[in-house]
Amino acid sequence: MKLKTKAILGALGAVAATDFIRAAEYQPDKQESVKLPAENVDADRAAEHISKAIQYKTVSYPDPDDMDWAEFERFHAFLDEAYPLTAKNLEKEIVDRASLLYRWKGTDSSLEPIALLAHQDVVPISKGTEQDWEHEPFSGDIADGFIWGRGAMDMKNHLICVMEAVETLLEEGYQPVRDVYLCFGHNEEIVASNHSGACAIAELFKSRGIHLDCVIDEGGAILPLNIKGIINGFIAGIGIAEKGYADFEITVETKGGHSSQPPKHSGLGQLANVIRDLENNQFKAEMLPFLTELFDKIGRRVSLPAKLITCNLPYLNPIIKEILKLIPPGASLIRTTTGVTMAQGSPAANVLPQRSSIVVNFRAMPGTTTKDIEEHIHKVVKNKKIKVECLKAKEASNFSPTDSRAFKALEKITVSDYPEAIVAPYLVMGGTDAYYYERVCENVYRYSPFIADTKLLLCTHGTNERLPLDTVGEAVVFFKRYIKELAGC
């Protein structure tokens, strides 16, 4: 018995020793850390221009007839006035009524151009919430260390900082080698729109035979990653793909009648079972390579006690997947999500519905198509009399490579400013204009160089949207360096 106990203890000791050795060897991969030269920027001017840009109510709506086109025209005039050298030296086109396309001609037309994207439009203010704002939603107030208003984070900050970078480079006499395109859509906030300005610009490129070297748009950001005693730093998530989008209406038809003589299940009652079937039969979860790489990069940066666990990540993937399935933000990274969002039945409280319907929103993982989603609905729902209709959809994007010169440039510039930052690939949950550019580019990335904690991110599309003032200058520096790195050769 004593020998058996000693053998077990010896084995456990050997395992522990092996883990300590593995943890000690489990070090961060070397990121290119080059201290780039300082850049001249006017952060105060950039902040003032973001403030003014917010004051233009460039709200987009699904129906183009509801758009205030005059407000977009005023915004265009503001950009011309705020950036005179850009207006003078770049060719400008208005595409699809209000989208903007600028071309900064390079010295070598044989090289593929680069494109920087942003969108001009913002979402409306939810009715009844106007008084909840600490500052008027379209005031652009600069107060308490923030710029306040709709679009401060999504994404007039990004658009203006791109324009500031170009204007400053022109002031310095810089001339790109490659052509540089600035592509500013007017209705990105309308998911799967039939009138997408970004789609129109991408189609224009295609019709002109223009293939882009790389594209950068909104998506990931620089997030603080602070867990006491485990890790302290930043993570810069570069979106290399985005999920698809599909709205499906599911309908059941019943006899209806007076509510005083209801059947066992009304139409809505039948739909309750449909909802249960959908929510109890989720799409298959999968740990895709981008997520494994993300966890690996974080795992290599944690302190030694935690590293005893993270160094074994390859063996823990099945457990990690099960844990992620229990956490909504985590589950969205590993599977196509199912969200029942709307229901409709009878028009009156005392009338049984003849037609009952629900709308289910699906966010599809790359590799899952709209057709796959429809087949899934029919497969898991036991009621085979349902009617299923796709209201609108946009397929998931492709994955862009992480070994391209564009991705390496994003990593290089970020690490130059934040040496301890973890730069890692990321899957964007929402939709972006970048999606449409896959037809003319393989290297499509989604990244905004702004530091933002979770509290600020939750304000995007919500009340008290605001941008930290101290992030503005750094973002302009980033875009100047990005243009130099990728258009300078």
Protein backbone atom coordinates (compact mmCIF):
# COMPACT_ATOMS: atom_id res chain seq x y z
CA MET A 1 0.00 0.00 0.00
CA LYS A 2 2.84 2.35 0.93
CA LEU A 3 4.57 1.60 -2.36
CA LYS A 4 1.33 2.32 -4.27
CA THR A 5 0.90 5.67 -2.48
CA LYS A 6 4.49 6.61 -3.18
CA ALA A 7 4.00 5.70 -6.84
CA ILE A 8 0.89 7.88 -7.11
CA LEU A 9 2.58 10.80 -5.36
CA GLY A 10 5.60 10.35 -7.57
CA ALA A 11 3.46 10.38 -10.69
CA LEU A 12 1.63 13.52 -9.53
CA GLY A 13 4.94 15.17 -8.79
CA ALA A 14 6.22 14.30 -12.23
CA VAL A 15 3.07 15.78 -13.83
CA ALA A 16 3.41 18.95 -11.75
CA ALA A 17 7.08 19.26 -12.66
CA THR A 18 6.23 18.78 -16.32
CA ASP A 19 3.57 21.50 -16.10
CA PHE A 20 6.02 23.89 -14.46
CA ILE A 21 8.54 23.25 -17.22
CA ARG A 22 5.87 23.64 -19.90
CA ALA A 23 4.60 26.86 -18.27
CA ALA A 24 8.12 28.27 -18.07
CA GLU A 25 8.62 27.57 -21.77
CA TYR A 26 5.16 28.92 -22.68
CA GLN A 27 6.31 32.43 -23.55
CA PRO A 28 4.72 35.10 -25.79
CA ASP A 29 5.53 34.90 -29.47
CA LYS A 30 7.82 37.70 -30.51
CA GLN A 31 5.88 40.63 -31.93
CA GLU A 32 7.77 43.05 -34.11
CA SER A 33 8.55 45.91 -31.75
CA VAL A 34 9.91 48.88 -33.67
CA LYS A 35 9.66 52.32 -32.15
CA LEU A 36 8.29 54.39 -35.00
CA PRO A 37 9.20 58.07 -35.36
CA ALA A 38 6.96 60.58 -33.64
CA GLU A 39 4.18 62.04 -35.78
CA ASN A 40 2.95 65.61 -35.82
CA VAL A 41 -0.81 65.85 -35.25
CA ASP A 42 -3.22 68.54 -34.12
CA ALA A 43 -5.32 66.65 -31.59
CA ASP A 44 -7.31 69.74 -30.62
CA ARG A 45 -8.29 70.38 -34.22
CA ALA A 46 -9.27 66.73 -34.65
CA ALA A 47 -11.42 66.82 -31.51
CA GLU A 48 -13.14 70.00 -32.65
CA HIS A 49 -13.89 68.47 -36.04
CA ILE A 50 -15.31 65.31 -34.44
CA SER A 51 -17.51 67.57 -32.31
CA LYS A 52 -18.77 69.42 -35.38
CA ALA A 53 -19.27 66.20 -37.37
CA ILE A 54 -21.56 64.85 -34.65
CA GLN A 55 -23.79 67.91 -35.02
CA TYR A 56 -24.86 66.79 -38.51
CA LYS A 57 -27.84 64.44 -38.12
CA THR A 58 -26.82 61.96 -40.78
CA VAL A 59 -29.30 59.32 -39.62
CA SER A 60 -29.95 56.39 -41.94
CA TYR A 61 -33.27 54.56 -42.32
CA PRO A 62 -34.28 51.38 -44.18
CA ASP A 63 -36.50 53.40 -46.54
CA PRO A 64 -34.38 55.85 -48.57
CA ASP A 65 -37.37 58.20 -48.73
CA ASP A 66 -37.03 58.71 -44.97
CA MET A 67 -33.42 59.92 -45.28
CA ASP A 68 -32.64 63.61 -44.81
CA TRP A 69 -30.41 63.92 -47.85
CA ALA A 70 -29.87 67.63 -47.26
CA GLU A 71 -28.17 66.80 -43.96
CA PHE A 72 -25.69 64.57 -45.80
CA GLU A 73 -25.03 67.36 -48.29
CA ARG A 74 -24.30 69.74 -45.43
CA PHE A 75 -21.95 67.18 -43.92
CA HIS A 76 -20.12 66.90 -47.24
CA ALA A 77 -19.75 70.67 -47.37
CA PHE A 78 -18.35 70.64 -43.83
CA LEU A 79 -15.69 68.08 -44.84
CA ASP A 80 -14.65 70.25 -47.80
CA GLU A 81 -14.36 73.29 -45.55
CA ALA A 82 -12.58 71.49 -42.69
CA TYR A 83 -10.07 69.78 -45.00
CA PRO A 84 -9.16 72.22 -47.80
CA LEU A 85 -6.01 70.40 -48.93
CA THR A 86 -7.88 67.11 -49.16
CA ALA A 87 -10.62 68.80 -51.18
CA LYS A 88 -8.01 70.34 -53.49
CA ASN A 89 -5.66 67.39 -54.00
CA LEU A 90 -7.92 64.32 -53.91
CA GLU A 91 -10.43 63.40 -56.59
CA LYS A 92 -13.92 63.14 -55.08
CA GLU A 93 -16.98 61.30 -56.36
CA ILE A 94 -20.44 61.03 -54.87
CA VAL A 95 -21.67 57.46 -55.32
CA ASP A 96 -25.24 56.23 -54.90
CA ARG A 97 -26.54 59.65 -53.89
CA ALA A 98 -24.54 60.24 -50.68
CA SER A 99 -21.56 57.90 -50.35
CA LEU A 100 -18.16 59.54 -50.76
CA LEU A 101 -15.21 58.17 -52.70
CA TYR A 102 -11.86 60.00 -52.59
CA ARG A 103 -8.81 59.07 -54.61
CA TRP A 104 -5.35 60.22 -53.54
CA LYS A 105 -3.24 59.49 -56.58
CA GLY A 106 0.09 57.78 -55.92
CA THR A 107 3.30 57.93 -57.91
CA ASP A 108 3.16 54.31 -59.12
CA SER A 109 -0.10 53.31 -60.78
CA SER A 110 1.17 49.75 -61.33
CA LEU A 111 0.81 48.97 -57.61
CA GLU A 112 -2.49 47.95 -56.09
CA PRO A 113 -4.19 50.74 -54.12
CA ILE A 114 -5.16 50.67 -50.45
CA ALA A 115 -8.55 51.73 -49.08
CA LEU A 116 -9.59 53.22 -45.75
CA LEU A 117 -13.29 52.87 -44.94
CA ALA A 118 -15.73 54.63 -42.63
CA HIS A 119 -19.45 55.38 -42.70
CA GLN A 120 -21.14 58.74 -42.40
CA ASP A 121 -24.47 57.57 -41.04
CA VAL A 122 -25.58 57.03 -37.47
CA VAL A 123 -28.52 55.26 -35.85
CA PRO A 124 -31.54 57.23 -34.60
CA ILE A 125 -32.09 58.21 -30.98
CA SER A 126 -34.64 55.85 -29.42
CA LYS A 127 -37.89 57.69 -28.81
CA GLY A 128 -38.43 58.60 -25.19
CA THR A 129 -34.71 58.46 -24.29
CA GLU A 130 -33.76 61.98 -25.35
CA GLN A 131 -33.93 63.29 -21.80
CA ASP A 132 -31.70 60.50 -20.51
CA TRP A 133 -28.64 61.98 -22.20
CA GLU A 134 -26.24 63.97 -20.04
CA HIS A 135 -25.55 66.10 -23.13
CA GLU A 136 -27.82 66.58 -26.12
CA PRO A 137 -27.34 63.61 -28.47
CA PHE A 138 -26.33 65.76 -31.46
CA SER A 139 -24.56 68.49 -29.49
CA GLY A 140 -21.02 67.22 -29.96
CA ASP A 141 -20.27 68.73 -26.54
CA ILE A 142 -16.70 68.47 -25.29
CA ALA A 143 -16.95 68.06 -21.54
CA ASP A 144 -15.55 65.99 -18.68
CA GLY A 145 -12.83 64.51 -20.87
CA PHE A 146 -15.21 63.21 -23.57
CA ILE A 147 -16.79 64.19 -26.87
CA TRP A 148 -20.51 63.48 -26.50
CA GLY A 149 -23.11 62.53 -29.06
CA ARG A 150 -24.43 60.05 -31.55
CA GLY A 151 -21.57 58.87 -33.74
CA ALA A 152 -18.83 59.70 -31.24
CA MET A 153 -17.86 56.01 -31.15
CA ASP A 154 -19.68 54.74 -34.24
CA MET A 155 -18.06 56.10 -36.25
CA LYS A 156 -17.52 59.76 -36.97
CA ASN A 157 -14.48 59.50 -34.71
CA HIS A 158 -12.91 57.03 -37.13
CA LEU A 159 -13.92 58.97 -40.25
CA ILE A 160 -12.63 62.31 -38.97
CA CYS A 161 -9.33 60.83 -37.76
CA VAL A 162 -8.75 59.35 -41.23
CA MET A 163 -9.43 62.77 -42.77
CA GLU A 164 -7.13 64.43 -40.23
CA ALA A 165 -4.35 61.99 -41.09
CA VAL A 166 -4.67 62.69 -44.81
CA GLU A 167 -4.87 66.46 -44.33
CA THR A 168 -1.82 66.47 -42.04
CA LEU A 169 0.20 64.36 -44.48
CA LEU A 170 -0.71 66.80 -47.26
CA GLU A 171 0.36 69.70 -45.06
CA GLU A 172 3.72 67.95 -44.66
CA GLY A 173 4.07 67.46 -48.41
CA TYR A 174 3.75 63.68 -48.27
CA GLN A 175 3.06 61.85 -51.53
CA PRO A 176 1.97 58.18 -51.46
CA VAL A 177 3.45 55.65 -53.85
CA ARG A 178 0.25 53.63 -54.12
CA ASP A 179 -3.14 55.18 -54.74
CA VAL A 180 -5.07 55.73 -51.50
CA TYR A 181 -8.86 55.52 -51.55
CA LEU A 182 -11.14 56.86 -48.83
CA CYS A 183 -14.54 55.17 -48.98
CA PHE A 184 -17.28 56.63 -46.81
CA GLY A 185 -20.64 54.87 -47.11
CA HIS A 186 -23.90 56.58 -46.20
CA ASN A 187 -26.08 53.72 -44.87
CA GLU A 188 -23.92 51.11 -43.16
CA GLU A 189 -26.30 50.99 -40.19
CA ILE A 190 -29.02 49.43 -42.38
CA VAL A 191 -28.07 45.77 -42.20
CA ALA A 192 -28.35 43.85 -45.47
CA SER A 193 -29.65 46.94 -47.24
CA ASN A 194 -30.75 46.65 -50.86
CA HIS A 195 -29.32 50.14 -51.42
CA SER A 196 -25.89 49.84 -49.79
CA GLY A 197 -23.57 52.71 -50.62
CA ALA A 198 -20.56 50.56 -49.76
CA CYS A 199 -21.76 47.89 -52.16
CA ALA A 200 -22.11 50.53 -54.88
CA ILE A 201 -18.53 51.72 -54.31
CA ALA A 202 -17.17 48.16 -54.36
CA GLU A 203 -19.05 47.44 -57.58
CA LEU A 204 -17.61 50.64 -59.05
CA PHE A 205 -14.11 49.40 -58.25
CA LYS A 206 -14.92 46.07 -59.85
CA SER A 207 -16.32 47.67 -63.00
CA ARG A 208 -13.14 49.76 -63.33
CA GLY A 209 -10.88 46.75 -62.87
CA ILE A 210 -9.46 48.04 -59.59
CA HIS A 211 -8.21 45.38 -57.21
CA LEU A 212 -7.23 46.61 -53.76
CA ASP A 213 -4.14 45.56 -51.84
CA CYS A 214 -5.90 45.94 -48.49
CA VAL A 215 -8.92 47.43 -46.75
CA ILE A 216 -9.31 48.72 -43.20
CA ASP A 217 -12.67 49.49 -41.60
CA GLU A 218 -14.26 49.58 -38.14
CA GLY A 219 -14.48 46.40 -36.08
CA GLY A 220 -12.00 45.53 -33.37
CA ALA A 221 -10.53 48.03 -30.91
CA ILE A 222 -7.92 48.31 -28.15
CA LEU A 223 -9.41 46.93 -24.95
CA PRO A 224 -7.94 47.00 -21.44
CA LEU A 225 -7.23 43.47 -20.22
CA ASN A 226 -6.80 43.70 -16.48
CA ILE A 227 -7.35 40.76 -14.11
CA LYS A 228 -5.64 41.28 -10.78
CA GLY A 229 -2.73 38.94 -10.26
CA ILE A 230 -3.16 37.31 -13.66
CA ILE A 231 -2.74 39.82 -16.51
CA ASN A 232 -2.43 43.55 -16.94
CA GLY A 233 -2.31 45.15 -20.39
CA PHE A 234 -4.28 45.62 -23.58
CA ILE A 235 -5.67 43.41 -26.29
CA ALA A 236 -6.00 44.74 -29.82
CA GLY A 237 -8.53 42.63 -31.67
CA ILE A 238 -8.20 42.83 -35.44
CA GLY A 239 -11.34 41.63 -37.15
CA ILE A 240 -10.39 39.18 -39.88
CA ALA A 241 -13.99 38.18 -40.60
CA GLU A 242 -17.57 39.04 -39.66
CA LYS A 243 -20.65 36.95 -39.00
CA GLY A 244 -23.56 36.74 -41.38
CA TYR A 245 -27.05 38.06 -40.73
CA ALA A 246 -30.48 36.59 -41.44
CA ASP A 247 -34.02 37.45 -40.33
CA PHE A 248 -36.52 34.61 -40.71
CA GLU A 249 -40.26 34.93 -40.19
CA ILE A 250 -41.95 31.74 -38.98
CA THR A 251 -45.73 31.61 -39.26
CA VAL A 252 -48.54 29.32 -38.19
CA GLU A 253 -52.12 29.71 -39.41
CA THR A 254 -55.08 28.68 -37.26
CA LYS A 255 -58.86 28.96 -37.30
CA GLY A 256 -59.03 31.93 -34.94
CA GLY A 257 -62.35 32.95 -33.39
CA HIS A 258 -63.54 34.34 -30.07
CA SER A 259 -61.14 34.18 -27.13
CA SER A 260 -63.93 32.89 -24.85
CA GLN A 261 -63.65 29.47 -26.53
CA PRO A 262 -59.92 28.93 -27.00
CA PRO A 263 -58.34 25.68 -28.23
CA LYS A 264 -55.65 23.93 -26.23
CA HIS A 265 -52.99 25.93 -28.10
CA SER A 266 -53.67 29.14 -29.95
CA GLY A 267 -51.44 30.13 -32.83
CA LEU A 268 -49.12 31.90 -30.40
CA GLY A 269 -49.20 28.83 -28.18
CA GLN A 270 -48.05 26.71 -31.10
CA LEU A 271 -45.29 29.21 -31.78
CA ALA A 272 -44.18 28.90 -28.15
CA ASN A 273 -43.31 25.30 -28.95
CA VAL A 274 -41.51 26.42 -32.08
CA ILE A 275 -39.44 28.84 -30.00
CA ARG A 276 -38.66 26.10 -27.50
CA ASP A 277 -37.49 23.79 -30.30
CA LEU A 278 -35.24 26.50 -31.74
CA GLU A 279 -33.73 27.56 -28.43
CA ASN A 280 -33.22 24.00 -27.21
CA ASN A 281 -31.51 22.95 -30.44
CA GLN A 282 -28.72 25.43 -31.02
CA PHE A 283 -26.25 25.27 -33.88
CA LYS A 284 -23.16 23.15 -33.37
CA ALA A 285 -20.32 24.96 -31.56
CA GLU A 286 -16.81 24.89 -32.99
CA MET A 287 -13.46 26.30 -31.87
CA LEU A 288 -12.21 27.88 -35.08
CA PRO A 289 -8.47 28.61 -35.55
CA PHE A 290 -8.82 32.36 -34.90
CA LEU A 291 -10.19 31.67 -31.41
CA THR A 292 -7.51 29.12 -30.59
CA GLU A 293 -4.89 31.68 -31.64
CA LEU A 294 -6.57 34.41 -29.58
CA PHE A 295 -6.64 32.28 -26.41
CA ASP A 296 -3.09 31.10 -27.02
CA LYS A 297 -1.78 34.68 -27.25
CA ILE A 298 -3.57 35.66 -24.05
CA GLY A 299 -2.51 32.46 -22.31
CA ARG A 300 1.16 33.16 -22.97
CA ARG A 301 0.91 36.56 -21.23
CA VAL A 302 -0.70 35.53 -17.93
CA SER A 303 1.24 35.18 -14.68
CA LEU A 304 2.81 31.85 -13.71
CA PRO A 305 0.08 30.39 -11.49
CA ALA A 306 -2.51 30.88 -14.23
CA LYS A 307 -0.02 29.81 -16.87
CA LEU A 308 0.04 26.33 -15.36
CA ILE A 309 -3.47 26.06 -16.80
CA THR A 310 -3.12 28.07 -20.01
CA CYS A 311 -0.03 26.16 -21.13
CA ASN A 312 -2.37 23.17 -21.47
CA LEU A 313 -4.92 24.99 -23.64
CA PRO A 314 -4.71 22.52 -26.55
CA TYR A 315 -5.88 19.76 -24.19
CA LEU A 316 -8.57 21.95 -22.61
CA ASN A 317 -10.36 23.04 -25.78
CA PRO A 318 -13.35 20.71 -25.22
CA ILE A 319 -13.84 22.10 -21.70
CA ILE A 320 -13.36 25.70 -22.88
CA LYS A 321 -15.97 25.17 -25.58
CA GLU A 322 -18.51 23.91 -23.04
CA ILE A 323 -17.85 26.90 -20.79
CA LEU A 324 -18.19 29.37 -23.67
CA LYS A 325 -21.55 27.87 -24.60
CA LEU A 326 -22.87 28.98 -21.21
CA ILE A 327 -21.80 32.62 -21.67
CA PRO A 328 -23.73 34.55 -24.38
CA PRO A 329 -20.74 36.67 -25.56
CA GLY A 330 -18.60 33.54 -25.59
CA ALA A 331 -21.20 31.43 -27.35
CA SER A 332 -21.42 34.00 -30.13
CA LEU A 333 -17.75 33.34 -30.93
CA ILE A 334 -18.20 29.61 -31.47
CA ARG A 335 -21.55 29.10 -33.14
CA THR A 336 -24.33 30.59 -35.23
CA THR A 337 -26.67 32.28 -32.77
CA THR A 338 -30.46 32.10 -32.61
CA GLY A 339 -32.30 35.13 -31.27
CA VAL A 340 -36.11 35.24 -31.16
CA THR A 341 -36.79 38.97 -31.32
CA MET A 342 -40.38 39.66 -32.42
CA ALA A 343 -43.85 38.12 -32.14
CA GLN A 344 -47.21 39.01 -33.64
CA GLY A 345 -50.67 37.58 -33.12
CA SER A 346 -54.18 38.92 -32.91
CA PRO A 347 -54.96 42.64 -33.29
CA ALA A 348 -57.29 42.52 -30.26
CA ALA A 349 -57.15 41.00 -26.79
CA ASN A 350 -60.44 39.09 -27.18
CA VAL A 351 -59.75 37.64 -30.62
CA LEU A 352 -57.81 34.45 -31.29
CA PRO A 353 -55.15 34.98 -33.95
CA GLN A 354 -55.63 33.46 -37.38
CA ARG A 355 -52.07 34.22 -38.36
CA SER A 356 -49.33 34.16 -35.73
CA SER A 357 -45.69 34.83 -36.46
CA ILE A 358 -42.30 35.30 -34.90
CA VAL A 359 -39.13 36.81 -36.31
CA VAL A 360 -35.87 35.05 -35.48
CA ASN A 361 -32.52 36.73 -36.01
CA PHE A 362 -29.57 34.49 -36.80
CA ARG A 363 -25.92 35.59 -36.79
CA ALA A 364 -24.13 33.03 -38.90
CA MET A 365 -20.58 31.80 -38.43
CA PRO A 366 -18.39 31.86 -41.54
CA GLY A 367 -19.17 28.65 -43.37
CA THR A 368 -22.86 28.63 -42.43
CA THR A 369 -25.11 29.92 -45.21
CA THR A 370 -28.64 31.30 -45.18
CA LYS A 371 -29.77 28.08 -46.82
CA ASP A 372 -28.15 26.12 -43.97
CA ILE A 373 -30.14 28.19 -41.47
CA GLU A 374 -33.44 27.50 -43.21
CA GLU A 375 -32.69 23.78 -43.30
CA HIS A 376 -31.84 23.90 -39.59
CA ILE A 377 -35.22 25.50 -38.78
CA HIS A 378 -37.15 22.78 -40.60
CA LYS A 379 -35.00 20.07 -39.03
CA VAL A 380 -35.31 21.05 -35.35
CA VAL A 381 -38.89 22.37 -35.29
CA LYS A 382 -41.33 19.51 -34.68
CA ASN A 383 -44.30 21.40 -36.12
CA LYS A 384 -43.97 20.70 -39.84
CA LYS A 385 -46.91 22.97 -40.78
CA ILE A 386 -44.96 26.15 -40.17
CA LYS A 387 -44.26 28.56 -42.99
CA VAL A 388 -40.70 29.87 -43.12
CA GLU A 389 -39.68 33.01 -45.01
CA CYS A 390 -36.33 34.76 -45.12
CA LEU A 391 -37.01 38.49 -44.76
CA LYS A 392 -33.46 39.64 -45.40
CA ALA A 393 -30.00 38.18 -45.18
CA LYS A 394 -26.31 38.80 -45.66
CA GLU A 395 -23.90 35.89 -45.82
CA ALA A 396 -20.92 35.66 -43.46
CA SER A 397 -17.63 36.98 -44.77
CA ASN A 398 -14.51 35.09 -45.68
CA PHE A 399 -11.52 34.98 -43.33
CA SER A 400 -8.66 37.31 -44.24
CA PRO A 401 -5.10 36.05 -43.72
CA THR A 402 -2.98 36.95 -40.69
CA ASP A 403 0.30 36.73 -42.59
CA SER A 404 -0.38 39.55 -45.07
CA ARG A 405 1.68 42.74 -45.11
CA ALA A 406 -1.44 44.66 -44.05
CA PHE A 407 -2.02 42.54 -40.93
CA LYS A 408 1.68 42.76 -40.06
CA ALA A 409 1.53 46.55 -40.45
CA LEU A 410 -1.45 46.74 -38.09
CA GLU A 411 0.49 44.69 -35.56
CA LYS A 412 3.67 46.74 -36.00
CA ILE A 413 1.95 50.12 -35.57
CA THR A 414 -0.10 48.99 -32.57
CA VAL A 415 2.86 47.43 -30.77
CA SER A 416 4.93 50.57 -31.41
CA ASP A 417 2.48 52.56 -29.27
CA TYR A 418 1.54 49.74 -26.88
CA PRO A 419 4.54 47.38 -26.54
CA GLU A 420 2.68 45.06 -24.17
CA ALA A 421 -0.48 44.90 -26.25
CA ILE A 422 -1.65 41.50 -27.45
CA VAL A 423 -2.49 41.81 -31.15
CA ALA A 424 -4.75 38.96 -32.17
CA PRO A 425 -7.29 38.02 -34.85
CA TYR A 426 -10.94 38.45 -33.97
CA LEU A 427 -14.40 37.65 -35.35
CA VAL A 428 -16.68 40.70 -35.61
CA MET A 429 -20.19 39.99 -34.35
CA GLY A 430 -21.96 42.78 -36.24
CA GLY A 431 -21.84 43.84 -39.86
CA THR A 432 -19.51 46.35 -41.51
CA ASP A 433 -19.13 47.97 -44.91
CA ALA A 434 -15.86 46.06 -45.30
CA TYR A 435 -17.91 42.97 -46.15
CA TYR A 436 -18.73 44.29 -49.62
CA TYR A 437 -15.10 44.81 -50.58
CA GLU A 438 -14.27 41.10 -50.64
CA ARG A 439 -15.14 41.14 -54.34
CA VAL A 440 -12.10 43.37 -54.98
CA CYS A 441 -9.76 42.51 -52.08
CA GLU A 442 -8.57 39.48 -50.10
CA ASN A 443 -6.97 41.42 -47.24
CA VAL A 444 -9.95 42.97 -45.45
CA TYR A 445 -9.47 44.03 -41.82
CA ARG A 446 -11.74 45.60 -39.24
CA TYR A 447 -9.95 47.67 -36.61
CA SER A 448 -10.43 51.07 -34.98
CA PRO A 449 -7.36 52.32 -33.07
CA PHE A 450 -9.29 53.68 -30.09
CA ILE A 451 -8.93 52.49 -26.50
CA ALA A 452 -12.38 51.70 -25.15
CA ASP A 453 -13.49 49.80 -22.07
CA THR A 454 -16.66 47.73 -21.95
CA LYS A 455 -18.66 50.55 -20.34
CA LEU A 456 -17.99 52.85 -23.29
CA LEU A 457 -18.63 50.14 -25.88
CA LEU A 458 -22.07 49.52 -24.40
CA CYS A 459 -22.94 53.17 -25.08
CA THR A 460 -22.52 52.64 -28.82
CA HIS A 461 -26.01 52.89 -30.36
CA GLY A 462 -27.23 53.75 -26.87
CA THR A 463 -27.63 56.66 -24.49
CA ASN A 464 -24.64 58.88 -23.65
CA GLU A 465 -22.45 57.66 -26.49
CA ARG A 466 -19.12 59.39 -26.01
CA LEU A 467 -15.46 59.26 -27.00
CA PRO A 468 -12.52 59.81 -24.62
CA LEU A 469 -10.67 62.95 -25.69
CA ASP A 470 -7.27 61.46 -25.00
CA THR A 471 -7.74 58.80 -27.71
CA VAL A 472 -8.14 61.26 -30.57
CA GLY A 473 -4.52 62.27 -31.18
CA GLU A 474 -3.31 58.67 -30.97
CA ALA A 475 -5.86 57.60 -33.60
CA VAL A 476 -4.69 60.28 -36.04
CA VAL A 477 -1.10 59.15 -35.49
CA PHE A 478 -2.17 55.57 -36.19
CA PHE A 479 -3.78 56.42 -39.53
CA LYS A 480 -0.80 58.54 -40.61
CA ARG A 481 1.51 55.61 -39.92
CA TYR A 482 -0.87 53.17 -41.57
CA ILE A 483 -0.91 55.20 -44.79
CA LYS A 484 2.88 55.55 -44.76
CA GLU A 485 3.42 51.85 -44.12
CA LEU A 486 1.01 50.54 -46.73
CA ALA A 487 0.92 53.26 -49.39
CA GLY A 488 4.59 54.16 -49.14
CA CYS A 489 5.78 51.15 -51.10
